[in-house]
Amino acid sequence: MKKALLFGAVVLSIVLQLNSVASAGPIFDGILKKGELVVGITGDQPPLNATSKDGEIIGFDADLARALAKGMNLNISFSRMPFSELLPALQDGRLDMVVSGVTMTPERNTKVAFVGPYFISGKGILLKIKSMELLKKEGLNSDKLRVSTLKGSTSQKVVEVLAPKAQLFLSDNYAQAIELLLNDKTDAVIADYPFCAYMAVRYSEKELAVGETKLTVEPLGIAMQEDVLLINAVENSLKALNLTGVMTDLKEKWFESSSWFDQLPE
């Protein structure tokens, strides 16, 4: 209760500050005038984000985006699209923000602005237990290893750099990548470690295993167009969420609990 009251007080402070601004930057001003934050998300990267059996966008990213919108006194609307289309859609103005497990890289930072990191992730490897011997014998960089991953993601870059000899299968979404693995059309999936860990639990009857260590360390950020006041408002809201313990609660909910599993489609 104290935590909720503290966050509410911080939110009220931010809202009052925003209402006192006669004119924000051009992008932020447009967002404030329409009263809605349009957030790009894939809806298929659990536990970061997912689509429930009822069609609702859920997950750590989704809850974070909702909290940020609340902190800026805005309604929120999610726009689902493939991962590779998110940043281009942000650049051409179809989105106000992207919160979808996007790693902050120097290359991406030349095109969009980032606030964060809001979570430190890393790449993991998911494979069938029967493929463990192949991986141990041949290593990741082997032309005998078939790897699926998300097109346009840092996972793709990791495979291209660490395993250029591997047979690479690119997917528009993680559901396609997992389907390839389950149908024995690939031997492994490279993806964010939390996703790999979740899938190993969800499909335990398929005898999946996740590597014990992360292949990389990657800071996830909130992407937006360059507008100093918008960036400042998001930074303030994110700091408030951290200071009040809300971020800790969200991490426990989505990364340490399985209570949300039954919200997902079979």
C-alpha atoms as a PDB file:
ATOM      1  CA  MET A   1       0.000   0.000   0.000  1.00  0.00           C
ATOM      2  CA  LYS A   2       2.812   2.417   0.905  1.00  0.00           C
ATOM      3  CA  LYS A   3       4.531   1.579  -2.365  1.00  0.00           C
ATOM      4  CA  ALA A   4       1.380   2.300  -4.382  1.00  0.00           C
ATOM      5  CA  LEU A   5       0.813   5.596  -2.537  1.00  0.00           C
ATOM      6  CA  LEU A   6       4.421   6.654  -3.096  1.00  0.00           C
ATOM      7  CA  PHE A   7       4.220   5.868  -6.801  1.00  0.00           C
ATOM      8  CA  GLY A   8       0.893   7.707  -7.014  1.00  0.00           C
ATOM      9  CA  ALA A   9       2.451  10.792  -5.444  1.00  0.00           C
ATOM     10  CA  VAL A  10       5.355  10.729  -7.900  1.00  0.00           C
ATOM     11  CA  VAL A  11       2.963  10.238 -10.818  1.00  0.00           C
ATOM     12  CA  LEU A  12       0.871  13.200  -9.655  1.00  0.00           C
ATOM     13  CA  SER A  13       4.007  15.345  -9.444  1.00  0.00           C
ATOM     14  CA  ILE A  14       5.022  14.438 -12.991  1.00  0.00           C
ATOM     15  CA  VAL A  15       1.497  15.041 -14.304  1.00  0.00           C
ATOM     16  CA  LEU A  16       1.362  18.486 -12.675  1.00  0.00           C
ATOM     17  CA  GLN A  17       4.708  19.366 -14.220  1.00  0.00           C
ATOM     18  CA  LEU A  18       3.527  18.241 -17.661  1.00  0.00           C
ATOM     19  CA  ASN A  19       0.283  20.203 -17.380  1.00  0.00           C
ATOM     20  CA  SER A  20       2.268  23.327 -16.552  1.00  0.00           C
ATOM     21  CA  VAL A  21       4.288  23.125 -19.777  1.00  0.00           C
ATOM     22  CA  ALA A  22       2.816  25.500 -22.369  1.00  0.00           C
ATOM     23  CA  SER A  23       4.394  23.676 -25.278  1.00  0.00           C
ATOM     24  CA  ALA A  24       6.562  20.587 -25.221  1.00  0.00           C
ATOM     25  CA  GLY A  25       8.855  19.491 -28.043  1.00  0.00           C
ATOM     26  CA  PRO A  26       7.109  18.862 -31.378  1.00  0.00           C
ATOM     27  CA  ILE A  27       6.804  15.087 -30.916  1.00  0.00           C
ATOM     28  CA  PHE A  28       5.896  15.161 -27.239  1.00  0.00           C
ATOM     29  CA  ASP A  29       3.470  18.024 -27.853  1.00  0.00           C
ATOM     30  CA  GLY A  30       1.617  15.910 -30.414  1.00  0.00           C
ATOM     31  CA  ILE A  31       1.418  12.998 -27.977  1.00  0.00           C
ATOM     32  CA  LEU A  32       0.073  15.222 -25.191  1.00  0.00           C
ATOM     33  CA  LYS A  33      -2.539  16.775 -27.469  1.00  0.00           C
ATOM     34  CA  LYS A  34      -3.954  13.435 -28.589  1.00  0.00           C
ATOM     35  CA  GLY A  35      -3.748  12.164 -25.008  1.00  0.00           C
ATOM     36  CA  GLU A  36      -2.539   8.737 -26.055  1.00  0.00           C
ATOM     37  CA  LEU A  37       0.777   6.916 -26.201  1.00  0.00           C
ATOM     38  CA  VAL A  38       1.057   4.496 -29.135  1.00  0.00           C
ATOM     39  CA  VAL A  39       3.533   1.784 -28.190  1.00  0.00           C
ATOM     40  CA  GLY A  40       5.031  -0.708 -30.628  1.00  0.00           C
ATOM     41  CA  ILE A  41       5.399  -4.274 -29.381  1.00  0.00           C
ATOM     42  CA  THR A  42       5.615  -7.751 -30.912  1.00  0.00           C
ATOM     43  CA  GLY A  43       3.335  -9.450 -28.397  1.00  0.00           C
ATOM     44  CA  ASP A  44       5.258 -12.714 -28.798  1.00  0.00           C
ATOM     45  CA  GLN A  45       8.383 -12.449 -26.613  1.00  0.00           C
ATOM     46  CA  PRO A  46       7.302 -13.945 -23.263  1.00  0.00           C
ATOM     47  CA  PRO A  47       7.940 -13.102 -20.490  1.00  0.00           C
ATOM     48  CA  LEU A  48       8.885  -9.666 -21.847  1.00  0.00           C
ATOM     49  CA  ASN A  49       5.647  -9.435 -23.793  1.00  0.00           C
ATOM     50  CA  ALA A  50       2.977 -11.805 -25.044  1.00  0.00           C
ATOM     51  CA  THR A  51      -0.607 -11.973 -26.261  1.00  0.00           C
ATOM     52  CA  SER A  52      -3.042 -13.639 -23.899  1.00  0.00           C
ATOM     53  CA  LYS A  53      -5.742 -16.113 -24.940  1.00  0.00           C
ATOM     54  CA  ASP A  54      -8.161 -13.159 -24.630  1.00  0.00           C
ATOM     55  CA  GLY A  55      -6.102 -11.058 -27.048  1.00  0.00           C
ATOM     56  CA  GLU A  56      -4.650  -8.766 -24.360  1.00  0.00           C
ATOM     57  CA  ILE A  57      -1.023  -7.634 -24.527  1.00  0.00           C
ATOM     58  CA  ILE A  58       0.652  -8.775 -21.304  1.00  0.00           C
ATOM     59  CA  GLY A  59       4.175  -9.160 -19.964  1.00  0.00           C
ATOM     60  CA  PHE A  60       6.943  -7.157 -18.328  1.00  0.00           C
ATOM     61  CA  ASP A  61       7.242  -4.745 -21.275  1.00  0.00           C
ATOM     62  CA  ALA A  62       3.479  -4.228 -21.421  1.00  0.00           C
ATOM     63  CA  ASP A  63       3.179  -3.474 -17.705  1.00  0.00           C
ATOM     64  CA  LEU A  64       6.145  -1.112 -17.921  1.00  0.00           C
ATOM     65  CA  ALA A  65       4.615   0.740 -20.872  1.00  0.00           C
ATOM     66  CA  ARG A  66       1.287   1.070 -19.045  1.00  0.00           C
ATOM     67  CA  ALA A  67       3.059   2.456 -15.982  1.00  0.00           C
ATOM     68  CA  LEU A  68       4.971   4.961 -18.116  1.00  0.00           C
ATOM     69  CA  ALA A  69       1.770   6.115 -19.821  1.00  0.00           C
ATOM     70  CA  LYS A  70       0.085   6.507 -16.428  1.00  0.00           C
ATOM     71  CA  GLY A  71       3.073   8.508 -15.210  1.00  0.00           C
ATOM     72  CA  MET A  72       2.565  10.925 -18.108  1.00  0.00           C
ATOM     73  CA  ASN A  73      -1.231  11.072 -17.668  1.00  0.00           C
ATOM     74  CA  LEU A  74      -1.795   9.399 -21.043  1.00  0.00           C
ATOM     75  CA  ASN A  75      -3.959   6.584 -22.349  1.00  0.00           C
ATOM     76  CA  ILE A  76      -2.089   3.765 -24.045  1.00  0.00           C
ATOM     77  CA  SER A  77      -2.562   1.872 -27.277  1.00  0.00           C
ATOM     78  CA  PHE A  78      -0.418  -1.101 -28.319  1.00  0.00           C
ATOM     79  CA  SER A  79       0.459  -1.664 -31.957  1.00  0.00           C
ATOM     80  CA  ARG A  80       1.565  -5.243 -32.672  1.00  0.00           C
ATOM     81  CA  MET A  81       4.010  -5.893 -35.491  1.00  0.00           C
ATOM     82  CA  PRO A  82       7.014  -8.096 -36.335  1.00  0.00           C
ATOM     83  CA  PHE A  83      10.196  -7.150 -34.501  1.00  0.00           C
ATOM     84  CA  SER A  84      12.015  -6.074 -37.673  1.00  0.00           C
ATOM     85  CA  GLU A  85       9.283  -3.508 -38.402  1.00  0.00           C
ATOM     86  CA  LEU A  86       9.193  -1.809 -34.992  1.00  0.00           C
ATOM     87  CA  LEU A  87      12.011   0.727 -35.308  1.00  0.00           C
ATOM     88  CA  PRO A  88      11.155   1.671 -38.925  1.00  0.00           C
ATOM     89  CA  ALA A  89       7.561   2.314 -37.780  1.00  0.00           C
ATOM     90  CA  LEU A  90       8.888   4.490 -34.965  1.00  0.00           C
ATOM     91  CA  GLN A  91      11.079   6.439 -37.356  1.00  0.00           C
ATOM     92  CA  ASP A  92       8.249   7.222 -39.759  1.00  0.00           C
ATOM     93  CA  GLY A  93       5.929   8.358 -36.972  1.00  0.00           C
ATOM     94  CA  ARG A  94       3.475   5.454 -36.817  1.00  0.00           C
ATOM     95  CA  LEU A  95       4.584   4.766 -33.238  1.00  0.00           C
ATOM     96  CA  ASP A  96       5.401   7.052 -30.335  1.00  0.00           C
ATOM     97  CA  MET A  97       7.531   4.531 -28.505  1.00  0.00           C
ATOM     98  CA  VAL A  98       8.815   0.954 -28.720  1.00  0.00           C
ATOM     99  CA  VAL A  99       8.950  -1.231 -25.613  1.00  0.00           C
ATOM    100  CA  SER A 100       9.621  -4.726 -26.890  1.00  0.00           C
ATOM    101  CA  GLY A 101      12.882  -6.207 -25.661  1.00  0.00           C
ATOM    102  CA  VAL A 102      14.985  -3.929 -27.884  1.00  0.00           C
ATOM    103  CA  THR A 103      18.705  -3.988 -27.139  1.00  0.00           C
ATOM    104  CA  MET A 104      20.329  -0.563 -27.066  1.00  0.00           C
ATOM    105  CA  THR A 105      23.076  -0.800 -29.676  1.00  0.00           C
ATOM    106  CA  PRO A 106      25.274   2.004 -31.092  1.00  0.00           C
ATOM    107  CA  GLU A 107      23.881   1.286 -34.562  1.00  0.00           C
ATOM    108  CA  ARG A 108      20.257   1.620 -33.439  1.00  0.00           C
ATOM    109  CA  ASN A 109      21.125   4.691 -31.389  1.00  0.00           C
ATOM    110  CA  THR A 110      22.093   6.544 -34.572  1.00  0.00           C
ATOM    111  CA  LYS A 111      18.474   6.211 -35.730  1.00  0.00           C
ATOM    112  CA  VAL A 112      16.359   6.509 -32.559  1.00  0.00           C
ATOM    113  CA  ALA A 113      16.785   7.682 -28.986  1.00  0.00           C
ATOM    114  CA  PHE A 114      16.802   5.293 -26.028  1.00  0.00           C
ATOM    115  CA  VAL A 115      15.988   5.583 -22.344  1.00  0.00           C
ATOM    116  CA  GLY A 116      17.301   2.866 -20.088  1.00  0.00           C
ATOM    117  CA  PRO A 117      18.387   0.246 -19.632  1.00  0.00           C
ATOM    118  CA  TYR A 118      15.234  -0.924 -17.897  1.00  0.00           C
ATOM    119  CA  PHE A 119      16.428  -4.534 -17.874  1.00  0.00           C
ATOM    120  CA  ILE A 120      19.723  -6.326 -18.477  1.00  0.00           C
ATOM    121  CA  SER A 121      19.162  -9.359 -20.643  1.00  0.00           C
ATOM    122  CA  GLY A 122      21.403 -11.566 -22.765  1.00  0.00           C
ATOM    123  CA  LYS A 123      21.188 -14.219 -25.410  1.00  0.00           C
ATOM    124  CA  GLY A 124      20.466 -17.810 -24.480  1.00  0.00           C
ATOM    125  CA  ILE A 125      20.363 -21.014 -26.468  1.00  0.00           C
ATOM    126  CA  LEU A 126      17.327 -23.309 -26.414  1.00  0.00           C
ATOM    127  CA  LEU A 127      17.554 -26.802 -27.842  1.00  0.00           C
ATOM    128  CA  LYS A 128      16.267 -30.327 -27.472  1.00  0.00           C
ATOM    129  CA  ILE A 129      18.133 -32.447 -24.979  1.00  0.00           C
ATOM    130  CA  LYS A 130      18.964 -34.909 -27.754  1.00  0.00           C
ATOM    131  CA  SER A 131      20.860 -32.114 -29.535  1.00  0.00           C
ATOM    132  CA  MET A 132      23.106 -31.402 -26.546  1.00  0.00           C
ATOM    133  CA  GLU A 133      25.655 -33.966 -27.678  1.00  0.00           C
ATOM    134  CA  LEU A 134      25.812 -32.367 -31.128  1.00  0.00           C
ATOM    135  CA  LEU A 135      26.452 -28.963 -29.563  1.00  0.00           C
ATOM    136  CA  LYS A 136      29.096 -30.324 -27.187  1.00  0.00           C
ATOM    137  CA  LYS A 137      30.848 -32.220 -29.978  1.00  0.00           C
ATOM    138  CA  GLU A 138      30.676 -29.662 -32.772  1.00  0.00           C
ATOM    139  CA  GLY A 139      30.315 -26.370 -30.879  1.00  0.00           C
ATOM    140  CA  LEU A 140      28.027 -23.531 -31.870  1.00  0.00           C
ATOM    141  CA  ASN A 141      30.038 -22.625 -34.963  1.00  0.00           C
ATOM    142  CA  SER A 142      29.362 -25.760 -36.975  1.00  0.00           C
ATOM    143  CA  ASP A 143      27.808 -26.291 -40.391  1.00  0.00           C
ATOM    144  CA  LYS A 144      26.051 -29.311 -38.868  1.00  0.00           C
ATOM    145  CA  LEU A 145      24.068 -27.082 -36.487  1.00  0.00           C
ATOM    146  CA  ARG A 146      20.758 -25.574 -37.661  1.00  0.00           C
ATOM    147  CA  VAL A 147      19.831 -22.434 -35.731  1.00  0.00           C
ATOM    148  CA  SER A 148      16.630 -20.399 -35.879  1.00  0.00           C
ATOM    149  CA  THR A 149      16.277 -16.872 -34.574  1.00  0.00           C
ATOM    150  CA  LEU A 150      14.383 -13.606 -34.961  1.00  0.00           C
ATOM    151  CA  LYS A 151      14.945 -11.607 -38.132  1.00  0.00           C
ATOM    152  CA  GLY A 152      16.406  -8.133 -37.579  1.00  0.00           C
ATOM    153  CA  SER A 153      17.289  -8.839 -33.944  1.00  0.00           C
ATOM    154  CA  THR A 154      20.566  -8.835 -32.062  1.00  0.00           C
ATOM    155  CA  SER A 155      20.059 -12.607 -31.837  1.00  0.00           C
ATOM    156  CA  GLN A 156      20.619 -12.743 -35.596  1.00  0.00           C
ATOM    157  CA  LYS A 157      23.813 -10.691 -35.170  1.00  0.00           C
ATOM    158  CA  VAL A 158      25.037 -13.040 -32.434  1.00  0.00           C
ATOM    159  CA  VAL A 159      24.636 -16.084 -34.676  1.00  0.00           C
ATOM    160  CA  GLU A 160      26.320 -14.329 -37.602  1.00  0.00           C
ATOM    161  CA  VAL A 161      29.290 -13.321 -35.433  1.00  0.00           C
ATOM    162  CA  LEU A 162      29.681 -16.334 -33.110  1.00  0.00           C
ATOM    163  CA  ALA A 163      28.494 -19.056 -35.467  1.00  0.00           C
ATOM    164  CA  PRO A 164      28.953 -17.963 -39.094  1.00  0.00           C
ATOM    165  CA  LYS A 165      29.179 -21.606 -40.227  1.00  0.00           C
ATOM    166  CA  ALA A 166      25.832 -22.586 -38.668  1.00  0.00           C
ATOM    167  CA  GLN A 167      22.788 -22.985 -40.896  1.00  0.00           C
ATOM    168  CA  LEU A 168      20.726 -19.906 -40.057  1.00  0.00           C
ATOM    169  CA  PHE A 169      16.923 -19.879 -40.292  1.00  0.00           C
ATOM    170  CA  LEU A 170      15.361 -16.424 -39.843  1.00  0.00           C
ATOM    171  CA  SER A 171      11.817 -16.074 -38.501  1.00  0.00           C
ATOM    172  CA  ASP A 172       9.419 -13.128 -38.406  1.00  0.00           C
ATOM    173  CA  ASN A 173       8.477 -14.058 -34.839  1.00  0.00           C
ATOM    174  CA  TYR A 174       9.579 -16.397 -32.080  1.00  0.00           C
ATOM    175  CA  ALA A 175       6.553 -18.648 -32.552  1.00  0.00           C
ATOM    176  CA  GLN A 176       7.907 -19.611 -35.978  1.00  0.00           C
ATOM    177  CA  ALA A 177      11.385 -20.201 -34.543  1.00  0.00           C
ATOM    178  CA  ILE A 178      10.005 -22.461 -31.797  1.00  0.00           C
ATOM    179  CA  GLU A 179       7.867 -24.375 -34.300  1.00  0.00           C
ATOM    180  CA  LEU A 180      10.960 -25.141 -36.370  1.00  0.00           C
ATOM    181  CA  LEU A 181      12.689 -26.490 -33.274  1.00  0.00           C
ATOM    182  CA  LEU A 182       9.755 -28.587 -32.089  1.00  0.00           C
ATOM    183  CA  ASN A 183       9.335 -30.081 -35.573  1.00  0.00           C
ATOM    184  CA  ASP A 184      13.050 -31.016 -35.735  1.00  0.00           C
ATOM    185  CA  LYS A 185      13.665 -28.625 -38.628  1.00  0.00           C
ATOM    186  CA  THR A 186      16.307 -26.840 -36.561  1.00  0.00           C
ATOM    187  CA  ASP A 187      18.524 -27.908 -33.674  1.00  0.00           C
ATOM    188  CA  ALA A 188      18.499 -24.741 -31.585  1.00  0.00           C
ATOM    189  CA  VAL A 189      16.937 -21.319 -31.063  1.00  0.00           C
ATOM    190  CA  ILE A 190      19.007 -18.294 -30.105  1.00  0.00           C
ATOM    191  CA  ALA A 191      16.874 -15.724 -28.259  1.00  0.00           C
ATOM    192  CA  ASP A 192      16.717 -13.591 -25.117  1.00  0.00           C
ATOM    193  CA  TYR A 193      17.645 -15.755 -22.142  1.00  0.00           C
ATOM    194  CA  PRO A 194      14.337 -15.165 -20.257  1.00  0.00           C
ATOM    195  CA  PHE A 195      12.445 -16.338 -23.340  1.00  0.00           C
ATOM    196  CA  CYS A 196      14.577 -19.485 -23.616  1.00  0.00           C
ATOM    197  CA  ALA A 197      14.102 -20.237 -19.913  1.00  0.00           C
ATOM    198  CA  TYR A 198      10.337 -19.779 -20.208  1.00  0.00           C
ATOM    199  CA  MET A 199      10.061 -22.020 -23.266  1.00  0.00           C
ATOM    200  CA  ALA A 200      12.098 -24.770 -21.594  1.00  0.00           C
ATOM    201  CA  VAL A 201       9.535 -24.809 -18.773  1.00  0.00           C
ATOM    202  CA  ARG A 202       6.455 -24.435 -20.952  1.00  0.00           C
ATOM    203  CA  TYR A 203       7.447 -27.264 -23.294  1.00  0.00           C
ATOM    204  CA  SER A 204       9.119 -29.476 -20.707  1.00  0.00           C
ATOM    205  CA  GLU A 205       7.331 -32.515 -22.178  1.00  0.00           C
ATOM    206  CA  LYS A 206       9.245 -31.870 -25.424  1.00  0.00           C
ATOM    207  CA  GLU A 207      12.513 -32.351 -23.516  1.00  0.00           C
ATOM    208  CA  LEU A 208      13.899 -28.894 -24.169  1.00  0.00           C
ATOM    209  CA  ALA A 209      16.967 -27.549 -22.427  1.00  0.00           C
ATOM    210  CA  VAL A 210      18.390 -24.062 -22.045  1.00  0.00           C
ATOM    211  CA  GLY A 211      22.085 -23.260 -21.814  1.00  0.00           C
ATOM    212  CA  GLU A 212      23.227 -22.488 -18.283  1.00  0.00           C
ATOM    213  CA  THR A 213      25.049 -19.277 -19.225  1.00  0.00           C
ATOM    214  CA  LYS A 214      24.186 -16.267 -21.365  1.00  0.00           C
ATOM    215  CA  LEU A 215      26.033 -15.840 -24.653  1.00  0.00           C
ATOM    216  CA  THR A 216      25.935 -12.045 -24.318  1.00  0.00           C
ATOM    217  CA  VAL A 217      24.952  -9.268 -21.929  1.00  0.00           C
ATOM    218  CA  GLU A 218      22.443  -6.855 -23.458  1.00  0.00           C
ATOM    219  CA  PRO A 219      20.819  -3.703 -22.048  1.00  0.00           C
ATOM    220  CA  LEU A 220      17.174  -3.332 -23.083  1.00  0.00           C
ATOM    221  CA  GLY A 221      15.926   0.185 -23.713  1.00  0.00           C
ATOM    222  CA  ILE A 222      12.777   2.183 -24.448  1.00  0.00           C
ATOM    223  CA  ALA A 223      13.036   3.532 -28.000  1.00  0.00           C
ATOM    224  CA  MET A 224      11.533   6.831 -29.159  1.00  0.00           C
ATOM    225  CA  GLN A 225      12.126   9.650 -31.593  1.00  0.00           C
ATOM    226  CA  GLU A 226      14.468  12.391 -30.500  1.00  0.00           C
ATOM    227  CA  ASP A 227      12.572  14.948 -28.428  1.00  0.00           C
ATOM    228  CA  VAL A 228      14.389  16.249 -25.357  1.00  0.00           C
ATOM    229  CA  LEU A 229      11.275  16.792 -23.250  1.00  0.00           C
ATOM    230  CA  LEU A 230       9.785  13.393 -24.172  1.00  0.00           C
ATOM    231  CA  ILE A 231      13.051  11.693 -23.269  1.00  0.00           C
ATOM    232  CA  ASN A 232      13.175  13.640 -19.995  1.00  0.00           C
ATOM    233  CA  ALA A 233       9.583  12.705 -19.105  1.00  0.00           C
ATOM    234  CA  VAL A 234      10.243   9.007 -19.743  1.00  0.00           C
ATOM    235  CA  GLU A 235      13.470   9.150 -17.741  1.00  0.00           C
ATOM    236  CA  ASN A 236      11.601  10.734 -14.824  1.00  0.00           C
ATOM    237  CA  SER A 237       8.843   8.118 -14.950  1.00  0.00           C
ATOM    238  CA  LEU A 238      11.360   5.261 -15.140  1.00  0.00           C
ATOM    239  CA  LYS A 239      13.277   6.647 -12.161  1.00  0.00           C
ATOM    240  CA  ALA A 240      10.019   6.879 -10.215  1.00  0.00           C
ATOM    241  CA  LEU A 241       9.203   3.241 -10.983  1.00  0.00           C
ATOM    242  CA  ASN A 242      12.637   2.173  -9.757  1.00  0.00           C
ATOM    243  CA  LEU A 243      12.600   4.333  -6.617  1.00  0.00           C
ATOM    244  CA  THR A 244       9.152   3.162  -5.535  1.00  0.00           C
ATOM    245  CA  GLY A 245       9.965  -0.523  -6.024  1.00  0.00           C
ATOM    246  CA  VAL A 246       7.427  -0.991  -8.822  1.00  0.00           C
ATOM    247  CA  MET A 247      10.118  -2.308 -11.188  1.00  0.00           C
ATOM    248  CA  THR A 248      11.187  -4.865  -8.585  1.00  0.00           C
ATOM    249  CA  ASP A 249       7.595  -6.061  -8.276  1.00  0.00           C
ATOM    250  CA  LEU A 250       7.249  -6.362 -12.059  1.00  0.00           C
ATOM    251  CA  LYS A 251      10.452  -8.383 -12.333  1.00  0.00           C
ATOM    252  CA  GLU A 252       9.261 -10.763  -9.609  1.00  0.00           C
ATOM    253  CA  LYS A 253       5.878 -11.119 -11.311  1.00  0.00           C
ATOM    254  CA  TRP A 254       7.189 -11.885 -14.797  1.00  0.00           C
ATOM    255  CA  PHE A 255      10.574 -13.517 -14.232  1.00  0.00           C
ATOM    256  CA  GLU A 256      10.225 -15.365 -10.944  1.00  0.00           C
ATOM    257  CA  SER A 257       6.619 -16.543 -11.020  1.00  0.00           C
ATOM    258  CA  SER A 258       4.671 -18.882 -13.285  1.00  0.00           C
ATOM    259  CA  SER A 259       1.262 -17.581 -12.211  1.00  0.00           C
ATOM    260  CA  TRP A 260       0.746 -15.878 -15.587  1.00  0.00           C
ATOM    261  CA  PHE A 261       1.326 -19.016 -17.678  1.00  0.00           C
ATOM    262  CA  ASP A 262      -2.372 -19.903 -17.800  1.00  0.00           C
ATOM    263  CA  GLN A 263      -3.171 -16.556 -19.458  1.00  0.00           C
ATOM    264  CA  LEU A 264      -1.431 -17.701 -22.640  1.00  0.00           C
ATOM    265  CA  PRO A 265      -3.007 -19.720 -25.467  1.00  0.00           C
ATOM    266  CA  GLU A 266      -2.320 -23.448 -25.434  1.00  0.00           C
END
